[in-house]
């Protein structure tokens, strides 16, 4: 049932999902030690096909691939593959906190796409949010720690992931994919991205690194809990509660990722990256503020 405001259940689920998505970045960086990033991303999508299929079948709506949705389905799956190719590479080349912070500049790029392609006009508040989030992204890109734990290539890959995410959301909002519904959108994403990523993987080096049982546990966790669980929970929240309110909580993910990166990997968290995080968080909140109805 649609609700016009967040209740206790919604807040608890939102906090849980944001924590899961932040922890997701840690898992990717950890499993990258055992599996080559693009190969890992492809395996994750391949395993997630079964989990998403099972979820849809349990809901009484087994996946149906129609000719009408074929073109849009292939497109959203290809863009999804690019998004996670860049994200998994980013987490191999830069820190968890920086990758998450730059990737969560996505609302900046999506707002521009939605303005020109979906008729969602950029208001004064959204424009201010765009400027703040863009400034935060620029600060993050230009201020790398002297320790050498982050690279410009990794930061740019995170920016590529943000663009991939924005394009995925844009395709999902177009009429054909919108009619498919969020769960079928996710099925198209994993179904198409799996072969693309697995075919591309050999171009990025040896497929297996120093593989340990813990890495396989992380792969299974990614495919089931994160993709088939976390993503579906997020889509459910968006369908039940006001989308702008739900989306505004996304600023928590890069903040939590910064803290987890510092605690678990000893990543440097200096004044510049904290300032960048504050700018991006403020920008996301402004971009997702509900537009008041006209008088």
C-alpha atoms as a PDB file:
ATOM      1  CA  UNK A   1       0.000   0.000   0.000  1.00  0.00           C
ATOM      2  CA  UNK A   2       1.343   3.422  -0.987  1.00  0.00           C
ATOM      3  CA  UNK A   3       2.211   5.727   1.942  1.00  0.00           C
ATOM      4  CA  UNK A   4       2.649   9.491   1.845  1.00  0.00           C
ATOM      5  CA  UNK A   5       5.382   9.611   4.508  1.00  0.00           C
ATOM      6  CA  UNK A   6       8.028   7.447   6.148  1.00  0.00           C
ATOM      7  CA  UNK A   7       7.005   5.339   9.134  1.00  0.00           C
ATOM      8  CA  UNK A   8       9.157   3.359  11.568  1.00  0.00           C
ATOM      9  CA  UNK A   9       9.325   0.324   9.276  1.00  0.00           C
ATOM     10  CA  UNK A  10      10.384   2.487   6.340  1.00  0.00           C
ATOM     11  CA  UNK A  11      13.117   4.253   8.311  1.00  0.00           C
ATOM     12  CA  UNK A  12      14.488   0.950   9.655  1.00  0.00           C
ATOM     13  CA  UNK A  13      14.512  -0.631   6.182  1.00  0.00           C
ATOM     14  CA  UNK A  14      16.121   2.438   4.626  1.00  0.00           C
ATOM     15  CA  UNK A  15      18.902   2.488   7.202  1.00  0.00           C
ATOM     16  CA  UNK A  16      19.441  -1.245   6.722  1.00  0.00           C
ATOM     17  CA  UNK A  17      19.588  -0.977   2.932  1.00  0.00           C
ATOM     18  CA  UNK A  18      21.991   1.974   3.045  1.00  0.00           C
ATOM     19  CA  UNK A  19      24.239   0.097   5.460  1.00  0.00           C
ATOM     20  CA  UNK A  20      24.138  -2.957   3.188  1.00  0.00           C
ATOM     21  CA  UNK A  21      25.042  -0.903   0.113  1.00  0.00           C
ATOM     22  CA  UNK A  22      27.965   0.684   1.962  1.00  0.00           C
ATOM     23  CA  UNK A  23      29.169  -2.729   3.173  1.00  0.00           C
ATOM     24  CA  UNK A  24      28.791  -3.905  -0.416  1.00  0.00           C
ATOM     25  CA  UNK A  25      31.749  -1.709  -1.401  1.00  0.00           C
ATOM     26  CA  UNK A  26      33.893  -3.406   1.257  1.00  0.00           C
ATOM     27  CA  UNK A  27      32.926  -6.868   0.001  1.00  0.00           C
ATOM     28  CA  UNK A  28      33.809  -5.968  -3.597  1.00  0.00           C
ATOM     29  CA  UNK A  29      37.253  -4.711  -2.578  1.00  0.00           C
ATOM     30  CA  UNK A  30      37.828  -7.832  -0.490  1.00  0.00           C
ATOM     31  CA  UNK A  31      36.758 -10.317  -3.189  1.00  0.00           C
ATOM     32  CA  UNK A  32      38.858  -8.440  -5.783  1.00  0.00           C
ATOM     33  CA  UNK A  33      41.875  -9.918  -3.984  1.00  0.00           C
ATOM     34  CA  UNK A  34      40.797 -13.397  -5.098  1.00  0.00           C
ATOM     35  CA  UNK A  35      38.973 -12.764  -8.365  1.00  0.00           C
ATOM     36  CA  UNK A  36      39.750 -10.370 -11.198  1.00  0.00           C
ATOM     37  CA  UNK A  37      37.213  -7.490 -10.881  1.00  0.00           C
ATOM     38  CA  UNK A  38      35.413  -7.808 -14.239  1.00  0.00           C
ATOM     39  CA  UNK A  39      35.256 -11.612 -13.941  1.00  0.00           C
ATOM     40  CA  UNK A  40      33.875 -11.190 -10.415  1.00  0.00           C
ATOM     41  CA  UNK A  41      31.210  -8.769 -11.678  1.00  0.00           C
ATOM     42  CA  UNK A  42      30.200 -11.220 -14.414  1.00  0.00           C
ATOM     43  CA  UNK A  43      29.970 -14.155 -12.022  1.00  0.00           C
ATOM     44  CA  UNK A  44      27.864 -12.053  -9.665  1.00  0.00           C
ATOM     45  CA  UNK A  45      25.357 -11.220 -12.404  1.00  0.00           C
ATOM     46  CA  UNK A  46      25.288 -14.835 -13.618  1.00  0.00           C
ATOM     47  CA  UNK A  47      24.476 -16.159 -10.133  1.00  0.00           C
ATOM     48  CA  UNK A  48      21.986 -13.348  -9.509  1.00  0.00           C
ATOM     49  CA  UNK A  49      19.922 -14.481 -12.528  1.00  0.00           C
ATOM     50  CA  UNK A  50      18.865 -17.559 -10.555  1.00  0.00           C
ATOM     51  CA  UNK A  51      18.120 -15.628  -7.369  1.00  0.00           C
ATOM     52  CA  UNK A  52      16.026 -12.966  -9.130  1.00  0.00           C
ATOM     53  CA  UNK A  53      14.211 -15.647 -11.143  1.00  0.00           C
ATOM     54  CA  UNK A  54      13.391 -17.508  -7.920  1.00  0.00           C
ATOM     55  CA  UNK A  55      12.110 -14.308  -6.309  1.00  0.00           C
ATOM     56  CA  UNK A  56       9.813 -13.546  -9.260  1.00  0.00           C
ATOM     57  CA  UNK A  57       8.559 -17.135  -9.385  1.00  0.00           C
ATOM     58  CA  UNK A  58       7.852 -17.049  -5.632  1.00  0.00           C
ATOM     59  CA  UNK A  59       5.856 -13.838  -6.184  1.00  0.00           C
ATOM     60  CA  UNK A  60       3.828 -15.664  -8.838  1.00  0.00           C
ATOM     61  CA  UNK A  61       5.281 -13.598 -11.690  1.00  0.00           C
ATOM     62  CA  UNK A  62       7.971 -15.708 -13.413  1.00  0.00           C
ATOM     63  CA  UNK A  63      10.055 -13.666 -15.880  1.00  0.00           C
ATOM     64  CA  UNK A  64       8.575 -13.202 -19.355  1.00  0.00           C
ATOM     65  CA  UNK A  65      10.795 -11.776 -22.066  1.00  0.00           C
ATOM     66  CA  UNK A  66       8.727 -10.108 -24.785  1.00  0.00           C
ATOM     67  CA  UNK A  67       9.745  -8.894 -28.232  1.00  0.00           C
ATOM     68  CA  UNK A  68       8.419  -5.419 -27.402  1.00  0.00           C
ATOM     69  CA  UNK A  69      10.860  -5.035 -24.507  1.00  0.00           C
ATOM     70  CA  UNK A  70      13.834  -6.726 -26.182  1.00  0.00           C
ATOM     71  CA  UNK A  71      15.613  -3.581 -27.384  1.00  0.00           C
ATOM     72  CA  UNK A  72      15.148  -1.675 -24.122  1.00  0.00           C
ATOM     73  CA  UNK A  73      16.071  -4.769 -22.119  1.00  0.00           C
ATOM     74  CA  UNK A  74      19.317  -5.259 -24.022  1.00  0.00           C
ATOM     75  CA  UNK A  75      20.132  -1.567 -23.594  1.00  0.00           C
ATOM     76  CA  UNK A  76      19.523  -1.445 -19.835  1.00  0.00           C
ATOM     77  CA  UNK A  77      21.530  -4.653 -19.381  1.00  0.00           C
ATOM     78  CA  UNK A  78      24.466  -3.302 -21.403  1.00  0.00           C
ATOM     79  CA  UNK A  79      24.515  -0.027 -19.446  1.00  0.00           C
ATOM     80  CA  UNK A  80      24.262  -1.979 -16.175  1.00  0.00           C
ATOM     81  CA  UNK A  81      27.279  -4.051 -17.283  1.00  0.00           C
ATOM     82  CA  UNK A  82      29.279  -0.871 -17.941  1.00  0.00           C
ATOM     83  CA  UNK A  83      28.277   0.562 -14.554  1.00  0.00           C
ATOM     84  CA  UNK A  84      29.584  -2.409 -12.614  1.00  0.00           C
ATOM     85  CA  UNK A  85      32.623  -2.942 -14.794  1.00  0.00           C
ATOM     86  CA  UNK A  86      33.710   0.570 -13.823  1.00  0.00           C
ATOM     87  CA  UNK A  87      32.722   0.176 -10.154  1.00  0.00           C
ATOM     88  CA  UNK A  88      34.570  -3.116  -9.641  1.00  0.00           C
ATOM     89  CA  UNK A  89      37.666  -1.719 -11.367  1.00  0.00           C
ATOM     90  CA  UNK A  90      37.417   1.455  -9.275  1.00  0.00           C
ATOM     91  CA  UNK A  91      37.435  -0.534  -6.044  1.00  0.00           C
ATOM     92  CA  UNK A  92      40.543  -2.339  -7.283  1.00  0.00           C
ATOM     93  CA  UNK A  93      42.377   0.918  -7.946  1.00  0.00           C
ATOM     94  CA  UNK A  94      41.189   3.385  -5.309  1.00  0.00           C
ATOM     95  CA  UNK A  95      39.781   3.403  -1.784  1.00  0.00           C
ATOM     96  CA  UNK A  96      36.323   2.259  -0.717  1.00  0.00           C
ATOM     97  CA  UNK A  97      35.403   5.700   0.583  1.00  0.00           C
ATOM     98  CA  UNK A  98      36.516   7.601  -2.520  1.00  0.00           C
ATOM     99  CA  UNK A  99      34.890   5.147  -4.946  1.00  0.00           C
ATOM    100  CA  UNK A 100      31.585   5.300  -3.076  1.00  0.00           C
ATOM    101  CA  UNK A 101      31.670   9.077  -2.715  1.00  0.00           C
ATOM    102  CA  UNK A 102      32.344   9.697  -6.414  1.00  0.00           C
ATOM    103  CA  UNK A 103      29.839   7.071  -7.561  1.00  0.00           C
ATOM    104  CA  UNK A 104      27.119   8.647  -5.416  1.00  0.00           C
ATOM    105  CA  UNK A 105      27.456  11.846  -7.409  1.00  0.00           C
ATOM    106  CA  UNK A 106      25.014   9.989  -9.717  1.00  0.00           C
ATOM    107  CA  UNK A 107      22.049  12.327  -8.926  1.00  0.00           C
ATOM    108  CA  UNK A 108      24.008  15.175 -10.553  1.00  0.00           C
ATOM    109  CA  UNK A 109      24.259  13.383 -13.878  1.00  0.00           C
ATOM    110  CA  UNK A 110      20.768  11.887 -13.686  1.00  0.00           C
ATOM    111  CA  UNK A 111      19.190  15.288 -13.012  1.00  0.00           C
ATOM    112  CA  UNK A 112      20.709  16.587 -16.252  1.00  0.00           C
ATOM    113  CA  UNK A 113      19.501  13.556 -18.220  1.00  0.00           C
ATOM    114  CA  UNK A 114      16.025  13.815 -16.696  1.00  0.00           C
ATOM    115  CA  UNK A 115      15.856  17.551 -17.443  1.00  0.00           C
ATOM    116  CA  UNK A 116      16.467  17.075 -21.159  1.00  0.00           C
ATOM    117  CA  UNK A 117      15.045  13.587 -21.712  1.00  0.00           C
ATOM    118  CA  UNK A 118      12.237  13.083 -19.190  1.00  0.00           C
ATOM    119  CA  UNK A 119      10.834  16.581 -18.782  1.00  0.00           C
ATOM    120  CA  UNK A 120      11.791  16.769 -15.096  1.00  0.00           C
ATOM    121  CA  UNK A 121      12.744  20.416 -14.824  1.00  0.00           C
ATOM    122  CA  UNK A 122      15.708  21.580 -12.750  1.00  0.00           C
ATOM    123  CA  UNK A 123      14.384  23.939 -10.066  1.00  0.00           C
ATOM    124  CA  UNK A 124      16.423  26.489  -8.135  1.00  0.00           C
ATOM    125  CA  UNK A 125      16.944  24.059  -5.247  1.00  0.00           C
ATOM    126  CA  UNK A 126      17.994  21.303  -7.626  1.00  0.00           C
ATOM    127  CA  UNK A 127      20.410  23.659  -9.389  1.00  0.00           C
ATOM    128  CA  UNK A 128      22.007  24.534  -6.038  1.00  0.00           C
ATOM    129  CA  UNK A 129      22.234  20.822  -5.219  1.00  0.00           C
ATOM    130  CA  UNK A 130      23.865  20.120  -8.583  1.00  0.00           C
ATOM    131  CA  UNK A 131      26.503  22.779  -7.944  1.00  0.00           C
ATOM    132  CA  UNK A 132      27.265  21.457  -4.442  1.00  0.00           C
ATOM    133  CA  UNK A 133      27.452  17.809  -5.498  1.00  0.00           C
ATOM    134  CA  UNK A 134      29.545  18.645  -8.564  1.00  0.00           C
ATOM    135  CA  UNK A 135      31.934  20.664  -6.385  1.00  0.00           C
ATOM    136  CA  UNK A 136      32.219  17.766  -3.944  1.00  0.00           C
ATOM    137  CA  UNK A 137      33.002  15.363  -6.777  1.00  0.00           C
ATOM    138  CA  UNK A 138      35.651  17.752  -8.118  1.00  0.00           C
ATOM    139  CA  UNK A 139      37.274  18.087  -4.684  1.00  0.00           C
ATOM    140  CA  UNK A 140      37.395  14.299  -4.337  1.00  0.00           C
ATOM    141  CA  UNK A 141      38.994  13.888  -7.765  1.00  0.00           C
ATOM    142  CA  UNK A 142      41.599  16.598  -7.192  1.00  0.00           C
ATOM    143  CA  UNK A 143      42.642  15.698  -3.621  1.00  0.00           C
ATOM    144  CA  UNK A 144      44.324  12.305  -3.394  1.00  0.00           C
ATOM    145  CA  UNK A 145      46.237  11.217  -0.253  1.00  0.00           C
ATOM    146  CA  UNK A 146      50.041  11.222  -0.392  1.00  0.00           C
ATOM    147  CA  UNK A 147      50.056   7.602   0.790  1.00  0.00           C
ATOM    148  CA  UNK A 148      49.345   6.449  -2.774  1.00  0.00           C
ATOM    149  CA  UNK A 149      46.342   4.305  -1.747  1.00  0.00           C
ATOM    150  CA  UNK A 150      44.156   6.029  -4.362  1.00  0.00           C
ATOM    151  CA  UNK A 151      44.786   6.553  -8.059  1.00  0.00           C
ATOM    152  CA  UNK A 152      43.329   8.955 -10.606  1.00  0.00           C
ATOM    153  CA  UNK A 153      42.445   5.977 -12.834  1.00  0.00           C
ATOM    154  CA  UNK A 154      40.413   4.450 -10.005  1.00  0.00           C
ATOM    155  CA  UNK A 155      38.646   7.731  -9.267  1.00  0.00           C
ATOM    156  CA  UNK A 156      37.769   8.154 -12.959  1.00  0.00           C
ATOM    157  CA  UNK A 157      36.421   4.584 -13.053  1.00  0.00           C
ATOM    158  CA  UNK A 158      34.161   5.506 -10.112  1.00  0.00           C
ATOM    159  CA  UNK A 159      32.974   8.511 -12.108  1.00  0.00           C
ATOM    160  CA  UNK A 160      32.271   6.165 -15.039  1.00  0.00           C
ATOM    161  CA  UNK A 161      30.222   3.990 -12.655  1.00  0.00           C
ATOM    162  CA  UNK A 162      28.217   7.053 -11.594  1.00  0.00           C
ATOM    163  CA  UNK A 163      27.437   7.819 -15.232  1.00  0.00           C
ATOM    164  CA  UNK A 164      26.512   4.180 -15.845  1.00  0.00           C
ATOM    165  CA  UNK A 165      24.142   4.264 -12.873  1.00  0.00           C
ATOM    166  CA  UNK A 166      22.545   7.497 -14.119  1.00  0.00           C
ATOM    167  CA  UNK A 167      22.034   6.036 -17.600  1.00  0.00           C
ATOM    168  CA  UNK A 168      20.580   2.829 -16.113  1.00  0.00           C
ATOM    169  CA  UNK A 169      18.078   4.897 -14.110  1.00  0.00           C
ATOM    170  CA  UNK A 170      17.283   6.956 -17.222  1.00  0.00           C
ATOM    171  CA  UNK A 171      16.524   3.873 -19.337  1.00  0.00           C
ATOM    172  CA  UNK A 172      14.442   2.434 -16.470  1.00  0.00           C
ATOM    173  CA  UNK A 173      12.278   5.579 -16.489  1.00  0.00           C
ATOM    174  CA  UNK A 174      11.577   5.419 -20.222  1.00  0.00           C
ATOM    175  CA  UNK A 175       8.087   4.098 -21.151  1.00  0.00           C
ATOM    176  CA  UNK A 176       9.011   0.537 -22.228  1.00  0.00           C
ATOM    177  CA  UNK A 177      11.136  -0.315 -19.193  1.00  0.00           C
ATOM    178  CA  UNK A 178       8.814   1.505 -16.814  1.00  0.00           C
ATOM    179  CA  UNK A 179       5.986  -0.745 -18.009  1.00  0.00           C
ATOM    180  CA  UNK A 180       8.143  -3.802 -17.235  1.00  0.00           C
ATOM    181  CA  UNK A 181       8.280  -2.917 -13.534  1.00  0.00           C
ATOM    182  CA  UNK A 182      11.341  -2.727 -11.259  1.00  0.00           C
ATOM    183  CA  UNK A 183      11.815  -6.463 -10.677  1.00  0.00           C
ATOM    184  CA  UNK A 184      11.762  -7.306 -14.396  1.00  0.00           C
ATOM    185  CA  UNK A 185      14.137  -4.389 -14.967  1.00  0.00           C
ATOM    186  CA  UNK A 186      16.548  -6.013 -12.530  1.00  0.00           C
ATOM    187  CA  UNK A 187      16.131  -9.362 -14.280  1.00  0.00           C
ATOM    188  CA  UNK A 188      17.007  -7.779 -17.636  1.00  0.00           C
ATOM    189  CA  UNK A 189      20.042  -6.121 -16.030  1.00  0.00           C
ATOM    190  CA  UNK A 190      21.587  -9.305 -14.647  1.00  0.00           C
ATOM    191  CA  UNK A 191      20.543 -11.464 -17.618  1.00  0.00           C
ATOM    192  CA  UNK A 192      22.242  -9.230 -20.195  1.00  0.00           C
ATOM    193  CA  UNK A 193      25.190  -8.010 -18.102  1.00  0.00           C
ATOM    194  CA  UNK A 194      26.411 -11.522 -17.165  1.00  0.00           C
ATOM    195  CA  UNK A 195      27.554 -12.619 -20.673  1.00  0.00           C
ATOM    196  CA  UNK A 196      28.912  -9.153 -21.523  1.00  0.00           C
ATOM    197  CA  UNK A 197      31.095  -9.032 -18.418  1.00  0.00           C
ATOM    198  CA  UNK A 198      32.248 -12.655 -18.666  1.00  0.00           C
ATOM    199  CA  UNK A 199      33.232 -12.205 -22.325  1.00  0.00           C
ATOM    200  CA  UNK A 200      35.065  -8.953 -21.558  1.00  0.00           C
ATOM    201  CA  UNK A 201      36.831 -10.309 -18.448  1.00  0.00           C
ATOM    202  CA  UNK A 202      39.882 -11.908 -20.186  1.00  0.00           C
ATOM    203  CA  UNK A 203      40.796  -8.462 -21.548  1.00  0.00           C
ATOM    204  CA  UNK A 204      41.576  -7.317 -17.993  1.00  0.00           C
ATOM    205  CA  UNK A 205      44.117  -9.967 -17.000  1.00  0.00           C
ATOM    206  CA  UNK A 206      44.097 -13.388 -15.298  1.00  0.00           C
ATOM    207  CA  UNK A 207      40.633 -14.351 -14.080  1.00  0.00           C
ATOM    208  CA  UNK A 208      41.719 -15.807 -10.728  1.00  0.00           C
ATOM    209  CA  UNK A 209      44.116 -14.209  -8.249  1.00  0.00           C
ATOM    210  CA  UNK A 210      44.809 -15.573  -4.751  1.00  0.00           C
ATOM    211  CA  UNK A 211      41.416 -17.209  -4.343  1.00  0.00           C
ATOM    212  CA  UNK A 212      40.330 -18.167  -0.812  1.00  0.00           C
ATOM    213  CA  UNK A 213      37.053 -19.649   0.518  1.00  0.00           C
ATOM    214  CA  UNK A 214      36.168 -16.249   2.010  1.00  0.00           C
ATOM    215  CA  UNK A 215      36.163 -14.748  -1.500  1.00  0.00           C
ATOM    216  CA  UNK A 216      33.635 -17.333  -2.676  1.00  0.00           C
ATOM    217  CA  UNK A 217      31.433 -16.540   0.335  1.00  0.00           C
ATOM    218  CA  UNK A 218      31.623 -12.864  -0.644  1.00  0.00           C
ATOM    219  CA  UNK A 219      30.628 -13.705  -4.226  1.00  0.00           C
ATOM    220  CA  UNK A 220      27.591 -15.653  -3.031  1.00  0.00           C
ATOM    221  CA  UNK A 221      26.656 -12.877  -0.599  1.00  0.00           C
ATOM    222  CA  UNK A 222      26.881 -10.321  -3.421  1.00  0.00           C
ATOM    223  CA  UNK A 223      24.690 -12.359  -5.771  1.00  0.00           C
ATOM    224  CA  UNK A 224      21.976 -13.194  -3.243  1.00  0.00           C
ATOM    225  CA  UNK A 225      21.795 -10.663  -0.427  1.00  0.00           C
ATOM    226  CA  UNK A 226      23.050  -7.542  -2.230  1.00  0.00           C
ATOM    227  CA  UNK A 227      21.604  -7.957  -5.729  1.00  0.00           C
ATOM    228  CA  UNK A 228      18.491 -10.077  -5.197  1.00  0.00           C
ATOM    229  CA  UNK A 229      17.871  -8.789  -1.660  1.00  0.00           C
ATOM    230  CA  UNK A 230      19.168  -5.241  -1.303  1.00  0.00           C
ATOM    231  CA  UNK A 231      18.236  -4.032  -4.775  1.00  0.00           C
ATOM    232  CA  UNK A 232      14.715  -5.483  -4.561  1.00  0.00           C
ATOM    233  CA  UNK A 233      14.251  -3.986  -1.067  1.00  0.00           C
ATOM    234  CA  UNK A 234      15.302  -0.589  -2.428  1.00  0.00           C
ATOM    235  CA  UNK A 235      12.876  -0.897  -5.343  1.00  0.00           C
ATOM    236  CA  UNK A 236      10.100  -1.875  -2.910  1.00  0.00           C
ATOM    237  CA  UNK A 237      10.809   1.170  -0.742  1.00  0.00           C
ATOM    238  CA  UNK A 238      10.655   3.395  -3.824  1.00  0.00           C
ATOM    239  CA  UNK A 239       7.269   1.889  -4.743  1.00  0.00           C
ATOM    240  CA  UNK A 240       5.718   2.310  -1.262  1.00  0.00           C
ATOM    241  CA  UNK A 241       7.161   5.569   0.115  1.00  0.00           C
ATOM    242  CA  UNK A 242       7.695   8.977  -1.539  1.00  0.00           C
ATOM    243  CA  UNK A 243      10.566   8.470  -3.986  1.00  0.00           C
ATOM    244  CA  UNK A 244      12.217  11.816  -3.202  1.00  0.00           C
ATOM    245  CA  UNK A 245      12.284  10.992   0.520  1.00  0.00           C
ATOM    246  CA  UNK A 246      13.729   7.529  -0.112  1.00  0.00           C
ATOM    247  CA  UNK A 247      16.315   8.857  -2.562  1.00  0.00           C
ATOM    248  CA  UNK A 248      17.468  11.554  -0.144  1.00  0.00           C
ATOM    249  CA  UNK A 249      18.682   8.821   2.228  1.00  0.00           C
ATOM    250  CA  UNK A 250      21.277   7.789  -0.382  1.00  0.00           C
ATOM    251  CA  UNK A 251      23.692  10.372   1.063  1.00  0.00           C
ATOM    252  CA  UNK A 252      24.230   7.973   3.969  1.00  0.00           C
ATOM    253  CA  UNK A 253      25.915   5.322   1.809  1.00  0.00           C
ATOM    254  CA  UNK A 254      29.135   7.227   0.933  1.00  0.00           C
ATOM    255  CA  UNK A 255      29.395   8.482   4.528  1.00  0.00           C
ATOM    256  CA  UNK A 256      29.131   4.927   5.880  1.00  0.00           C
ATOM    257  CA  UNK A 257      31.536   3.681   3.193  1.00  0.00           C
ATOM    258  CA  UNK A 258      34.120   6.270   4.262  1.00  0.00           C
ATOM    259  CA  UNK A 259      33.862   5.053   7.856  1.00  0.00           C
ATOM    260  CA  UNK A 260      34.024   1.362   6.884  1.00  0.00           C
ATOM    261  CA  UNK A 261      37.018   1.956   4.612  1.00  0.00           C
ATOM    262  CA  UNK A 262      38.864   3.697   7.432  1.00  0.00           C
ATOM    263  CA  UNK A 263      37.975   1.044  10.019  1.00  0.00           C
ATOM    264  CA  UNK A 264      38.526  -2.096   7.951  1.00  0.00           C
ATOM    265  CA  UNK A 265      41.258  -1.080   5.484  1.00  0.00           C
ATOM    266  CA  UNK A 266      42.933   1.804   7.330  1.00  0.00           C
ATOM    267  CA  UNK A 267      42.101   4.223   4.507  1.00  0.00           C
ATOM    268  CA  UNK A 268      43.067   7.857   4.964  1.00  0.00           C
ATOM    269  CA  UNK A 269      40.137  10.167   5.718  1.00  0.00           C
ATOM    270  CA  UNK A 270      41.461  13.732   5.580  1.00  0.00           C
ATOM    271  CA  UNK A 271      39.725  17.128   5.715  1.00  0.00           C
ATOM    272  CA  UNK A 272      39.474  17.344   1.906  1.00  0.00           C
ATOM    273  CA  UNK A 273      37.591  14.062   1.481  1.00  0.00           C
ATOM    274  CA  UNK A 274      35.325  14.875   4.449  1.00  0.00           C
ATOM    275  CA  UNK A 275      34.550  18.242   2.886  1.00  0.00           C
ATOM    276  CA  UNK A 276      33.826  16.554  -0.429  1.00  0.00           C
ATOM    277  CA  UNK A 277      31.482  14.107   1.313  1.00  0.00           C
ATOM    278  CA  UNK A 278      29.622  16.970   2.997  1.00  0.00           C
ATOM    279  CA  UNK A 279      29.198  18.783  -0.334  1.00  0.00           C
ATOM    280  CA  UNK A 280      27.936  15.674  -2.129  1.00  0.00           C
ATOM    281  CA  UNK A 281      25.546  14.814   0.738  1.00  0.00           C
ATOM    282  CA  UNK A 282      24.115  18.344   0.810  1.00  0.00           C
ATOM    283  CA  UNK A 283      23.748  18.290  -2.970  1.00  0.00           C
ATOM    284  CA  UNK A 284      21.899  14.955  -2.946  1.00  0.00           C
ATOM    285  CA  UNK A 285      19.454  16.224  -0.318  1.00  0.00           C
ATOM    286  CA  UNK A 286      18.719  19.384  -2.327  1.00  0.00           C
ATOM    287  CA  UNK A 287      18.359  17.506  -5.628  1.00  0.00           C
ATOM    288  CA  UNK A 288      15.848  15.099  -4.076  1.00  0.00           C
ATOM    289  CA  UNK A 289      13.776  17.681  -2.206  1.00  0.00           C
ATOM    290  CA  UNK A 290      10.090  17.394  -3.110  1.00  0.00           C
ATOM    291  CA  UNK A 291       8.859  20.179  -5.376  1.00  0.00           C
ATOM    292  CA  UNK A 292       5.991  22.065  -3.678  1.00  0.00           C
ATOM    293  CA  UNK A 293       2.734  21.998  -5.667  1.00  0.00           C
ATOM    294  CA  UNK A 294       1.845  25.214  -7.510  1.00  0.00           C
ATOM    295  CA  UNK A 295      -0.616  27.507  -5.757  1.00  0.00           C
END
